[in-house]
């Protein structure tokens, strides 16, 4: 078994658990800010899945997809923060 396979067997379950816990935080978050942080973390976890798939399959084009997803997630988080600030005063 090669090192990438060992790492793959460790990272995929950890990303899955992180996604599930973040989903719980999203659904149970008492404030809008909690939901925004949870959505941002979910986007980062999905980017991790895309990066993992790219490395595991040798399809390097998916790293470009991960970079674009990161940019969109960053802009969405900034937009949510702007909305929360305007809404709260």
PDB file of N, CA and C in Angstrom:
ATOM      1  N   UNK A   1       0.843  -1.172   0.000  1.00  0.00           N
ATOM      2  CA  UNK A   1       0.000   0.000   0.000  1.00  0.00           C
ATOM      3  C   UNK A   1       0.895   1.243   0.000  1.00  0.00           C
ATOM      4  N   UNK A   2       0.602   2.153  -0.894  1.00  0.00           N
ATOM      5  CA  UNK A   2       1.435   3.347  -1.011  1.00  0.00           C
ATOM      6  C   UNK A   2       0.968   4.428  -0.037  1.00  0.00           C
ATOM      7  N   UNK A   3       1.816   5.406   0.152  1.00  0.00           N
ATOM      8  CA  UNK A   3       1.511   6.486   1.081  1.00  0.00           C
ATOM      9  C   UNK A   3       0.253   7.267   0.682  1.00  0.00           C
ATOM     10  N   UNK A   4       0.037   7.612  -0.604  1.00  0.00           N
ATOM     11  CA  UNK A   4      -1.207   8.313  -0.955  1.00  0.00           C
ATOM     12  C   UNK A   4      -2.463   7.509  -0.626  1.00  0.00           C
ATOM     13  N   UNK A   5      -2.409   6.197  -0.749  1.00  0.00           N
ATOM     14  CA  UNK A   5      -3.570   5.375  -0.402  1.00  0.00           C
ATOM     15  C   UNK A   5      -3.827   5.391   1.102  1.00  0.00           C
ATOM     16  N   UNK A   6      -2.766   5.359   1.881  1.00  0.00           N
ATOM     17  CA  UNK A   6      -2.913   5.417   3.336  1.00  0.00           C
ATOM     18  C   UNK A   6      -3.503   6.758   3.751  1.00  0.00           C
ATOM     19  N   UNK A   7      -2.984   7.820   3.180  1.00  0.00           N
ATOM     20  CA  UNK A   7      -3.495   9.153   3.495  1.00  0.00           C
ATOM     21  C   UNK A   7      -4.949   9.280   3.052  1.00  0.00           C
ATOM     22  N   UNK A   8      -5.274   8.717   1.911  1.00  0.00           N
ATOM     23  CA  UNK A   8      -6.641   8.766   1.404  1.00  0.00           C
ATOM     24  C   UNK A   8      -7.602   8.047   2.340  1.00  0.00           C
ATOM     25  N   UNK A   9      -7.193   6.907   2.856  1.00  0.00           N
ATOM     26  CA  UNK A   9      -8.055   6.170   3.774  1.00  0.00           C
ATOM     27  C   UNK A   9      -8.262   6.910   5.088  1.00  0.00           C
ATOM     28  N   UNK A  10      -7.362   7.800   5.431  1.00  0.00           N
ATOM     29  CA  UNK A  10      -7.497   8.581   6.652  1.00  0.00           C
ATOM     30  C   UNK A  10      -8.286   9.867   6.424  1.00  0.00           C
ATOM     31  N   UNK A  11      -8.024  10.541   5.305  1.00  0.00           N
ATOM     32  CA  UNK A  11      -8.614  11.864   5.112  1.00  0.00           C
ATOM     33  C   UNK A  11     -10.086  11.831   4.719  1.00  0.00           C
ATOM     34  N   UNK A  12     -10.496  10.890   3.904  1.00  0.00           N
ATOM     35  CA  UNK A  12     -11.901  10.871   3.480  1.00  0.00           C
ATOM     36  C   UNK A  12     -12.871  10.695   4.645  1.00  0.00           C
ATOM     37  N   UNK A  13     -12.644   9.754   5.551  1.00  0.00           N
ATOM     38  CA  UNK A  13     -13.563   9.677   6.697  1.00  0.00           C
ATOM     39  C   UNK A  13     -13.526  10.922   7.574  1.00  0.00           C
ATOM     40  N   UNK A  14     -12.346  11.510   7.731  1.00  0.00           N
ATOM     41  CA  UNK A  14     -12.248  12.716   8.556  1.00  0.00           C
ATOM     42  C   UNK A  14     -12.999  13.879   7.920  1.00  0.00           C
ATOM     43  N   UNK A  15     -12.903  14.014   6.598  1.00  0.00           N
ATOM     44  CA  UNK A  15     -13.669  15.054   5.918  1.00  0.00           C
ATOM     45  C   UNK A  15     -15.167  14.798   6.041  1.00  0.00           C
ATOM     46  N   UNK A  16     -15.567  13.545   5.957  1.00  0.00           N
ATOM     47  CA  UNK A  16     -16.982  13.205   6.110  1.00  0.00           C
ATOM     48  C   UNK A  16     -17.505  13.531   7.499  1.00  0.00           C
ATOM     49  N   UNK A  17     -16.731  13.199   8.524  1.00  0.00           N
ATOM     50  CA  UNK A  17     -17.135  13.515   9.900  1.00  0.00           C
ATOM     51  C   UNK A  17     -17.192  15.024  10.099  1.00  0.00           C
ATOM     52  N   UNK A  18     -16.206  15.731   9.579  1.00  0.00           N
ATOM     53  CA  UNK A  18     -16.199  17.191   9.698  1.00  0.00           C
ATOM     54  C   UNK A  18     -17.415  17.798   9.013  1.00  0.00           C
ATOM     55  N   UNK A  19     -17.780  17.263   7.850  1.00  0.00           N
ATOM     56  CA  UNK A  19     -18.949  17.776   7.137  1.00  0.00           C
ATOM     57  C   UNK A  19     -20.221  17.523   7.943  1.00  0.00           C
ATOM     58  N   UNK A  20     -20.347  16.331   8.525  1.00  0.00           N
ATOM     59  CA  UNK A  20     -21.540  16.004   9.316  1.00  0.00           C
ATOM     60  C   UNK A  20     -21.649  16.899  10.551  1.00  0.00           C
ATOM     61  N   UNK A  21     -20.540  17.108  11.244  1.00  0.00           N
ATOM     62  CA  UNK A  21     -20.568  17.976  12.419  1.00  0.00           C
ATOM     63  C   UNK A  21     -20.877  19.420  12.044  1.00  0.00           C
ATOM     64  N   UNK A  22     -20.364  19.854  10.918  1.00  0.00           N
ATOM     65  CA  UNK A  22     -20.651  21.212  10.464  1.00  0.00           C
ATOM     66  C   UNK A  22     -22.112  21.357  10.073  1.00  0.00           C
ATOM     67  N   UNK A  23     -22.682  20.334   9.481  1.00  0.00           N
ATOM     68  CA  UNK A  23     -24.107  20.364   9.142  1.00  0.00           C
ATOM     69  C   UNK A  23     -24.959  20.475  10.404  1.00  0.00           C
ATOM     70  N   UNK A  24     -24.568  19.762  11.451  1.00  0.00           N
ATOM     71  CA  UNK A  24     -25.282  19.884  12.725  1.00  0.00           C
ATOM     72  C   UNK A  24     -25.177  21.306  13.256  1.00  0.00           C
ATOM     73  N   UNK A  25     -23.987  21.892  13.172  1.00  0.00           N
ATOM     74  CA  UNK A  25     -23.811  23.272  13.641  1.00  0.00           C
ATOM     75  C   UNK A  25     -24.653  24.239  12.811  1.00  0.00           C
ATOM     76  N   UNK A  26     -24.760  23.975  11.523  1.00  0.00           N
ATOM     77  CA  UNK A  26     -25.567  24.829  10.655  1.00  0.00           C
ATOM     78  C   UNK A  26     -27.035  24.764  11.049  1.00  0.00           C
ATOM     79  N   UNK A  27     -27.526  23.567  11.317  1.00  0.00           N
ATOM     80  CA  UNK A  27     -28.939  23.402  11.641  1.00  0.00           C
ATOM     81  C   UNK A  27     -29.281  23.865  13.051  1.00  0.00           C
ATOM     82  N   UNK A  28     -28.342  23.781  13.977  1.00  0.00           N
ATOM     83  CA  UNK A  28     -28.619  24.129  15.364  1.00  0.00           C
ATOM     84  C   UNK A  28     -28.072  25.486  15.767  1.00  0.00           C
ATOM     85  N   UNK A  29     -27.386  26.168  14.865  1.00  0.00           N
ATOM     86  CA  UNK A  29     -26.782  27.447  15.207  1.00  0.00           C
ATOM     87  C   UNK A  29     -27.821  28.468  15.637  1.00  0.00           C
ATOM     88  N   UNK A  30     -27.615  29.083  16.788  1.00  0.00           N
ATOM     89  CA  UNK A  30     -28.639  30.006  17.275  1.00  0.00           C
ATOM     90  C   UNK A  30     -28.669  31.352  16.547  1.00  0.00           C
ATOM     91  N   UNK A  31     -27.572  31.734  15.928  1.00  0.00           N
ATOM     92  CA  UNK A  31     -27.545  33.042  15.279  1.00  0.00           C
ATOM     93  C   UNK A  31     -27.213  32.902  13.799  1.00  0.00           C
ATOM     94  N   UNK A  32     -27.444  33.988  13.089  1.00  0.00           N
ATOM     95  CA  UNK A  32     -27.118  34.019  11.667  1.00  0.00           C
ATOM     96  C   UNK A  32     -25.607  33.917  11.445  1.00  0.00           C
ATOM     97  N   UNK A  33     -24.840  34.509  12.342  1.00  0.00           N
ATOM     98  CA  UNK A  33     -23.379  34.440  12.214  1.00  0.00           C
ATOM     99  C   UNK A  33     -22.885  32.996  12.327  1.00  0.00           C
ATOM    100  N   UNK A  34     -23.498  32.204  13.205  1.00  0.00           N
ATOM    101  CA  UNK A  34     -23.130  30.785  13.306  1.00  0.00           C
ATOM    102  C   UNK A  34     -23.398  30.062  11.998  1.00  0.00           C
ATOM    103  N   UNK A  35     -24.523  30.368  11.378  1.00  0.00           N
ATOM    104  CA  UNK A  35     -24.862  29.728  10.106  1.00  0.00           C
ATOM    105  C   UNK A  35     -23.876  30.121   9.011  1.00  0.00           C
ATOM    106  N   UNK A  36     -23.470  31.375   8.992  1.00  0.00           N
ATOM    107  CA  UNK A  36     -22.517  31.838   7.973  1.00  0.00           C
ATOM    108  C   UNK A  36     -21.167  31.146   8.151  1.00  0.00           C
ATOM    109  N   UNK A  37     -20.709  31.050   9.381  1.00  0.00           N
ATOM    110  CA  UNK A  37     -19.435  30.374   9.639  1.00  0.00           C
ATOM    111  C   UNK A  37     -19.535  28.895   9.266  1.00  0.00           C
ATOM    112  N   UNK A  38     -20.669  28.261   9.580  1.00  0.00           N
ATOM    113  CA  UNK A  38     -20.853  26.852   9.228  1.00  0.00           C
ATOM    114  C   UNK A  38     -20.877  26.664   7.714  1.00  0.00           C
ATOM    115  N   UNK A  39     -21.545  27.549   6.999  1.00  0.00           N
ATOM    116  CA  UNK A  39     -21.565  27.449   5.536  1.00  0.00           C
ATOM    117  C   UNK A  39     -20.169  27.634   4.947  1.00  0.00           C
ATOM    118  N   UNK A  40     -19.406  28.560   5.519  1.00  0.00           N
ATOM    119  CA  UNK A  40     -18.038  28.770   5.044  1.00  0.00           C
ATOM    120  C   UNK A  40     -17.191  27.524   5.296  1.00  0.00           C
ATOM    121  N   UNK A  41     -17.342  26.931   6.460  1.00  0.00           N
ATOM    122  CA  UNK A  41     -16.594  25.716   6.761  1.00  0.00           C
ATOM    123  C   UNK A  41     -17.020  24.566   5.857  1.00  0.00           C
ATOM    124  N   UNK A  42     -18.310  24.464   5.550  1.00  0.00           N
ATOM    125  CA  UNK A  42     -18.776  23.419   4.637  1.00  0.00           C
ATOM    126  C   UNK A  42     -18.168  23.608   3.250  1.00  0.00           C
ATOM    127  N   UNK A  43     -18.058  24.854   2.819  1.00  0.00           N
ATOM    128  CA  UNK A  43     -17.431  25.122   1.525  1.00  0.00           C
ATOM    129  C   UNK A  43     -15.965  24.700   1.540  1.00  0.00           C
ATOM    130  N   UNK A  44     -15.279  24.966   2.638  1.00  0.00           N
ATOM    131  CA  UNK A  44     -13.878  24.571   2.747  1.00  0.00           C
ATOM    132  C   UNK A  44     -13.740  23.049   2.733  1.00  0.00           C
ATOM    133  N   UNK A  45     -14.658  22.355   3.383  1.00  0.00           N
ATOM    134  CA  UNK A  45     -14.613  20.889   3.397  1.00  0.00           C
ATOM    135  C   UNK A  45     -14.863  20.336   1.995  1.00  0.00           C
ATOM    136  N   UNK A  46     -15.810  20.927   1.270  1.00  0.00           N
ATOM    137  CA  UNK A  46     -16.064  20.493  -0.110  1.00  0.00           C
ATOM    138  C   UNK A  46     -14.831  20.752  -0.976  1.00  0.00           C
ATOM    139  N   UNK A  47     -14.148  21.851  -0.741  1.00  0.00           N
ATOM    140  CA  UNK A  47     -12.901  22.129  -1.455  1.00  0.00           C
ATOM    141  C   UNK A  47     -11.863  21.055  -1.121  1.00  0.00           C
ATOM    142  N   UNK A  48     -11.834  20.627   0.127  1.00  0.00           N
ATOM    143  CA  UNK A  48     -10.941  19.534   0.516  1.00  0.00           C
ATOM    144  C   UNK A  48     -11.266  18.246  -0.217  1.00  0.00           C
ATOM    145  N   UNK A  49     -12.576  17.941  -0.363  1.00  0.00           N
ATOM    146  CA  UNK A  49     -12.978  16.767  -1.135  1.00  0.00           C
ATOM    147  C   UNK A  49     -12.513  16.888  -2.587  1.00  0.00           C
ATOM    148  N   UNK A  50     -12.680  18.068  -3.183  1.00  0.00           N
ATOM    149  CA  UNK A  50     -12.271  18.263  -4.575  1.00  0.00           C
ATOM    150  C   UNK A  50     -10.757  18.122  -4.726  1.00  0.00           C
ATOM    151  N   UNK A  51     -10.013  18.680  -3.782  1.00  0.00           N
ATOM    152  CA  UNK A  51      -8.554  18.567  -3.843  1.00  0.00           C
ATOM    153  C   UNK A  51      -8.117  17.115  -3.651  1.00  0.00           C
ATOM    154  N   UNK A  52      -8.769  16.427  -2.751  1.00  0.00           N
ATOM    155  CA  UNK A  52      -8.444  15.012  -2.534  1.00  0.00           C
ATOM    156  C   UNK A  52      -8.726  14.193  -3.786  1.00  0.00           C
ATOM    157  N   UNK A  53      -9.867  14.428  -4.396  1.00  0.00           N
ATOM    158  CA  UNK A  53     -10.212  13.703  -5.617  1.00  0.00           C
ATOM    159  C   UNK A  53      -9.196  13.988  -6.716  1.00  0.00           C
ATOM    160  N   UNK A  54      -8.788  15.244  -6.807  1.00  0.00           N
ATOM    161  CA  UNK A  54      -7.822  15.626  -7.829  1.00  0.00           C
ATOM    162  C   UNK A  54      -6.509  14.872  -7.661  1.00  0.00           C
ATOM    163  N   UNK A  55      -6.025  14.805  -6.444  1.00  0.00           N
ATOM    164  CA  UNK A  55      -4.758  14.121  -6.195  1.00  0.00           C
ATOM    165  C   UNK A  55      -4.915  12.610  -6.341  1.00  0.00           C
ATOM    166  N   UNK A  56      -6.011  12.058  -5.818  1.00  0.00           N
ATOM    167  CA  UNK A  56      -6.202  10.605  -5.848  1.00  0.00           C
ATOM    168  C   UNK A  56      -6.355  10.079  -7.269  1.00  0.00           C
ATOM    169  N   UNK A  57      -7.042  10.824  -8.118  1.00  0.00           N
ATOM    170  CA  UNK A  57      -7.298  10.363  -9.476  1.00  0.00           C
ATOM    171  C   UNK A  57      -6.270  10.867 -10.487  1.00  0.00           C
ATOM    172  N   UNK A  58      -5.404  11.771 -10.064  1.00  0.00           N
ATOM    173  CA  UNK A  58      -4.417  12.314 -10.981  1.00  0.00           C
ATOM    174  C   UNK A  58      -5.013  13.281 -11.987  1.00  0.00           C
ATOM    175  N   UNK A  59      -6.202  13.767 -11.715  1.00  0.00           N
ATOM    176  CA  UNK A  59      -6.883  14.744 -12.576  1.00  0.00           C
ATOM    177  C   UNK A  59      -6.609  16.138 -12.023  1.00  0.00           C
ATOM    178  N   UNK A  60      -5.553  16.748 -12.487  1.00  0.00           N
ATOM    179  CA  UNK A  60      -5.115  18.002 -11.891  1.00  0.00           C
ATOM    180  C   UNK A  60      -6.034  19.162 -12.224  1.00  0.00           C
ATOM    181  N   UNK A  61      -6.937  18.993 -13.177  1.00  0.00           N
ATOM    182  CA  UNK A  61      -7.862  20.070 -13.512  1.00  0.00           C
ATOM    183  C   UNK A  61      -8.803  20.361 -12.343  1.00  0.00           C
ATOM    184  N   UNK A  62      -9.040  19.367 -11.489  1.00  0.00           N
ATOM    185  CA  UNK A  62      -9.923  19.584 -10.344  1.00  0.00           C
ATOM    186  C   UNK A  62      -9.301  20.496  -9.293  1.00  0.00           C
ATOM    187  N   UNK A  63      -7.997  20.661  -9.323  1.00  0.00           N
ATOM    188  CA  UNK A  63      -7.389  21.654  -8.440  1.00  0.00           C
ATOM    189  C   UNK A  63      -7.815  23.056  -8.851  1.00  0.00           C
ATOM    190  N   UNK A  64      -7.972  23.276 -10.151  1.00  0.00           N
ATOM    191  CA  UNK A  64      -8.491  24.558 -10.617  1.00  0.00           C
ATOM    192  C   UNK A  64      -9.920  24.767 -10.124  1.00  0.00           C
ATOM    193  N   UNK A  65     -10.701  23.707 -10.136  1.00  0.00           N
ATOM    194  CA  UNK A  65     -12.069  23.782  -9.615  1.00  0.00           C
ATOM    195  C   UNK A  65     -12.035  24.147  -8.135  1.00  0.00           C
ATOM    196  N   UNK A  66     -11.118  23.561  -7.382  1.00  0.00           N
ATOM    197  CA  UNK A  66     -11.006  23.858  -5.956  1.00  0.00           C
ATOM    198  C   UNK A  66     -10.627  25.319  -5.726  1.00  0.00           C
ATOM    199  N   UNK A  67      -9.746  25.853  -6.553  1.00  0.00           N
ATOM    200  CA  UNK A  67      -9.353  27.258  -6.414  1.00  0.00           C
ATOM    201  C   UNK A  67     -10.536  28.178  -6.705  1.00  0.00           C
ATOM    202  N   UNK A  68     -11.288  27.880  -7.750  1.00  0.00           N
ATOM    203  CA  UNK A  68     -12.464  28.693  -8.085  1.00  0.00           C
ATOM    204  C   UNK A  68     -13.501  28.597  -6.971  1.00  0.00           C
ATOM    205  N   UNK A  69     -13.705  27.402  -6.437  1.00  0.00           N
ATOM    206  CA  UNK A  69     -14.648  27.239  -5.330  1.00  0.00           C
ATOM    207  C   UNK A  69     -14.200  28.045  -4.113  1.00  0.00           C
ATOM    208  N   UNK A  70     -12.902  28.083  -3.854  1.00  0.00           N
ATOM    209  CA  UNK A  70     -12.387  28.856  -2.723  1.00  0.00           C
ATOM    210  C   UNK A  70     -12.640  30.343  -2.921  1.00  0.00           C
ATOM    211  N   UNK A  71     -12.439  30.832  -4.133  1.00  0.00           N
ATOM    212  CA  UNK A  71     -12.699  32.250  -4.400  1.00  0.00           C
ATOM    213  C   UNK A  71     -14.176  32.587  -4.228  1.00  0.00           C
ATOM    214  N   UNK A  72     -15.042  31.733  -4.734  1.00  0.00           N
ATOM    215  CA  UNK A  72     -16.480  31.967  -4.601  1.00  0.00           C
ATOM    216  C   UNK A  72     -16.897  31.906  -3.133  1.00  0.00           C
ATOM    217  N   UNK A  73     -16.360  30.945  -2.388  1.00  0.00           N
ATOM    218  CA  UNK A  73     -16.696  30.833  -0.965  1.00  0.00           C
ATOM    219  C   UNK A  73     -16.232  32.060  -0.196  1.00  0.00           C
ATOM    220  N   UNK A  74     -15.045  32.561  -0.525  1.00  0.00           N
ATOM    221  CA  UNK A  74     -14.553  33.764   0.138  1.00  0.00           C
ATOM    222  C   UNK A  74     -15.460  34.955  -0.148  1.00  0.00           C
ATOM    223  N   UNK A  75     -15.818  35.139  -1.407  1.00  0.00           N
ATOM    224  CA  UNK A  75     -16.690  36.263  -1.752  1.00  0.00           C
ATOM    225  C   UNK A  75     -18.066  36.126  -1.109  1.00  0.00           C
ATOM    226  N   UNK A  76     -18.581  34.913  -1.026  1.00  0.00           N
ATOM    227  CA  UNK A  76     -19.876  34.698  -0.380  1.00  0.00           C
ATOM    228  C   UNK A  76     -19.800  35.018   1.110  1.00  0.00           C
ATOM    229  N   UNK A  77     -18.714  34.650   1.747  1.00  0.00           N
ATOM    230  CA  UNK A  77     -18.559  34.951   3.171  1.00  0.00           C
ATOM    231  C   UNK A  77     -18.458  36.450   3.404  1.00  0.00           C
ATOM    232  N   UNK A  78     -17.731  37.135   2.557  1.00  0.00           N
ATOM    233  CA  UNK A  78     -17.636  38.589   2.674  1.00  0.00           C
ATOM    234  C   UNK A  78     -19.004  39.231   2.461  1.00  0.00           C
ATOM    235  N   UNK A  79     -19.763  38.737   1.486  1.00  0.00           N
ATOM    236  CA  UNK A  79     -21.101  39.281   1.236  1.00  0.00           C
ATOM    237  C   UNK A  79     -22.025  39.032   2.424  1.00  0.00           C
ATOM    238  N   UNK A  80     -21.966  37.839   3.006  1.00  0.00           N
ATOM    239  CA  UNK A  80     -22.782  37.553   4.191  1.00  0.00           C
ATOM    240  C   UNK A  80     -22.390  38.456   5.354  1.00  0.00           C
ATOM    241  N   UNK A  81     -21.095  38.660   5.553  1.00  0.00           N
ATOM    242  CA  UNK A  81     -20.636  39.529   6.637  1.00  0.00           C
ATOM    243  C   UNK A  81     -21.120  40.959   6.422  1.00  0.00           C
ATOM    244  N   UNK A  82     -21.068  41.415   5.184  1.00  0.00           N
ATOM    245  CA  UNK A  82     -21.573  42.751   4.867  1.00  0.00           C
ATOM    246  C   UNK A  82     -23.065  42.840   5.164  1.00  0.00           C
ATOM    247  N   UNK A  83     -23.819  41.804   4.791  1.00  0.00           N
ATOM    248  CA  UNK A  83     -25.258  41.771   5.043  1.00  0.00           C
ATOM    249  C   UNK A  83     -25.555  41.775   6.540  1.00  0.00           C
ATOM    250  N   UNK A  84     -24.822  40.982   7.306  1.00  0.00           N
ATOM    251  CA  UNK A  84     -25.048  40.931   8.754  1.00  0.00           C
ATOM    252  C   UNK A  84     -24.735  42.276   9.390  1.00  0.00           C
ATOM    253  N   UNK A  85     -23.660  42.906   8.951  1.00  0.00           N
ATOM    254  CA  UNK A  85     -23.299  44.207   9.520  1.00  0.00           C
ATOM    255  C   UNK A  85     -24.354  45.258   9.200  1.00  0.00           C
ATOM    256  N   UNK A  86     -24.862  45.271   7.962  1.00  0.00           N
ATOM    257  CA  UNK A  86     -25.906  46.227   7.591  1.00  0.00           C
ATOM    258  C   UNK A  86     -27.193  45.956   8.361  1.00  0.00           C
ATOM    259  N   UNK A  87     -27.495  44.684   8.543  1.00  0.00           N
ATOM    260  CA  UNK A  87     -28.743  44.298   9.203  1.00  0.00           C
ATOM    261  C   UNK A  87     -28.728  44.645  10.691  1.00  0.00           C
ATOM    262  N   UNK A  88     -27.581  44.459  11.336  1.00  0.00           N
ATOM    263  CA  UNK A  88     -27.498  44.702  12.772  1.00  0.00           C
ATOM    264  C   UNK A  88     -27.171  46.147  13.116  1.00  0.00           C
ATOM    265  N   UNK A  89     -26.872  46.927  12.134  1.00  0.00           N
ATOM    266  CA  UNK A  89     -26.646  48.339  12.414  1.00  0.00           C
ATOM    267  C   UNK A  89     -25.259  48.690  12.174  1.00  0.00           C
TER     268      UNK A  89
END
